[in-house]
Amino acid sequence: MDTDGRVWFSLTHANTDSNIMALFLHHLKEKLDQETPGWEEGTYFQVDNAPYHTSEKTRLAANLLRLKLIFSGPYSYSAAPIELLFSAIKHGELNPEGLPTSKK
């Protein structure tokens, strides 16, 4: 089923962990179920290898929700389309005051 190439993400003011990721997946599934019945067929979710993406808790949540995850290769920044959006959030018009976006 075509989902029009939508991108779903969530921003937090704290570090993301496996609990936050599992909660995000749960709410994402609810939203997709409401908006696009039958979305599951042919839908995959690309995630990188952040510890909270690869954790047992996240994998269990994805499995219970019947979500299909695809993991990026290591250090594959250029292969992750979401990185362009994150860059705009961190450095572009969505952060005009240039507020810090990480602990560094």
Protein backbone atom coordinates (compact mmCIF):
# COMPACT_ATOMS: atom_id res chain seq x y z
CA MET A 1 0.00 0.00 0.00
CA ASP A 2 1.37 3.43 -0.90
CA THR A 3 1.84 5.73 2.08
CA ASP A 4 2.92 8.67 -0.08
CA GLY A 5 6.53 8.52 1.16
CA ARG A 6 5.67 9.94 4.57
CA VAL A 7 8.30 10.31 7.26
CA TRP A 8 7.36 9.77 10.90
CA PHE A 9 9.58 10.88 13.75
CA SER A 10 9.39 12.13 17.29
CA LEU A 11 11.48 14.74 19.08
CA THR A 12 12.20 14.67 22.78
CA HIS A 13 13.92 17.06 25.17
CA ALA A 14 15.71 14.14 26.77
CA ASN A 15 17.88 11.33 25.58
CA THR A 16 15.93 8.61 23.83
CA ASP A 17 16.10 5.12 25.27
CA SER A 18 14.44 1.77 24.61
CA ASN A 19 11.35 2.74 26.62
CA ILE A 20 10.84 5.92 24.55
CA MET A 21 11.43 3.99 21.31
CA ALA A 22 8.91 1.28 22.25
CA LEU A 23 6.34 3.96 23.15
CA PHE A 24 6.98 5.73 19.82
CA LEU A 25 6.46 2.49 17.87
CA HIS A 26 3.21 1.83 19.73
CA HIS A 27 1.82 5.31 18.98
CA LEU A 28 3.07 5.19 15.39
CA LYS A 29 1.22 1.92 14.78
CA GLU A 30 -1.98 3.38 16.27
CA LYS A 31 -1.69 6.45 14.03
CA LEU A 32 -1.05 4.40 10.90
CA ASP A 33 -3.93 2.03 11.72
CA GLN A 34 -6.29 5.02 11.97
CA GLU A 35 -5.08 6.86 8.89
CA THR A 36 -4.18 4.11 6.43
CA PRO A 37 -5.85 0.72 6.96
CA GLY A 38 -3.77 -2.07 5.42
CA TRP A 39 -0.52 -0.07 5.64
CA GLU A 40 1.35 -3.08 7.05
CA GLU A 41 1.77 -4.86 3.72
CA GLY A 42 5.04 -3.81 2.14
CA THR A 43 5.88 -1.28 4.86
CA TYR A 44 9.32 -1.37 6.43
CA PHE A 45 10.91 0.97 8.96
CA GLN A 46 14.53 1.96 8.47
CA VAL A 47 16.44 2.58 11.68
CA ASP A 48 20.10 3.05 12.38
CA ASN A 49 22.12 1.06 14.88
CA ALA A 50 21.60 3.34 17.86
CA PRO A 51 21.53 1.23 21.04
CA TYR A 52 17.84 2.01 21.62
CA HIS A 53 16.99 0.81 18.07
CA THR A 54 18.82 -2.49 18.44
CA SER A 55 17.89 -3.23 22.05
CA GLU A 56 16.00 -6.35 23.02
CA LYS A 57 13.12 -4.19 24.30
CA THR A 58 12.75 -2.35 20.97
CA ARG A 59 13.00 -5.56 18.95
CA LEU A 60 10.40 -7.21 21.19
CA ALA A 61 8.04 -4.21 20.84
CA ALA A 62 8.45 -4.21 17.05
CA ASN A 63 7.81 -7.96 16.94
CA LEU A 64 4.69 -7.73 19.13
CA LEU A 65 3.38 -4.86 16.99
CA ARG A 66 4.30 -6.78 13.80
CA LEU A 67 6.49 -3.94 12.54
CA LYS A 68 9.25 -4.80 10.10
CA LEU A 69 12.52 -3.05 10.92
CA ILE A 70 15.45 -2.67 8.53
CA PHE A 71 18.75 -1.74 10.14
CA SER A 72 21.18 0.54 8.30
CA GLY A 73 24.74 -0.57 7.88
CA PRO A 74 27.26 0.79 10.37
CA TYR A 75 28.23 4.43 9.90
CA SER A 76 25.80 4.89 7.00
CA TYR A 77 24.83 8.52 7.57
CA SER A 78 24.36 9.20 3.86
CA ALA A 79 22.04 6.18 3.47
CA ALA A 80 19.58 7.46 6.10
CA PRO A 81 17.16 10.00 4.56
CA ILE A 82 15.99 11.14 8.01
CA GLU A 83 19.42 12.68 8.61
CA LEU A 84 18.56 15.52 6.21
CA LEU A 85 15.52 16.37 8.33
CA PHE A 86 17.52 16.15 11.55
CA SER A 87 20.10 18.52 10.07
CA ALA A 88 17.36 21.05 9.23
CA ILE A 89 16.02 20.80 12.77
CA LYS A 90 19.44 21.20 14.37
CA HIS A 91 20.91 23.90 12.15
CA GLY A 92 18.17 25.38 9.99
CA GLU A 93 15.03 27.41 10.16
CA LEU A 94 13.49 25.13 12.77
CA ASN A 95 16.17 26.24 15.26
CA PRO A 96 16.61 29.97 14.48
CA GLU A 97 18.16 30.70 17.90
CA GLY A 98 20.83 28.03 17.34
CA LEU A 99 19.96 26.27 20.59
CA PRO A 100 22.14 23.29 21.47
CA THR A 101 20.81 19.98 20.15
CA SER A 102 23.18 17.59 21.90
CA LYS A 103 25.31 17.22 25.02
CA LYS A 104 28.49 18.14 23.11
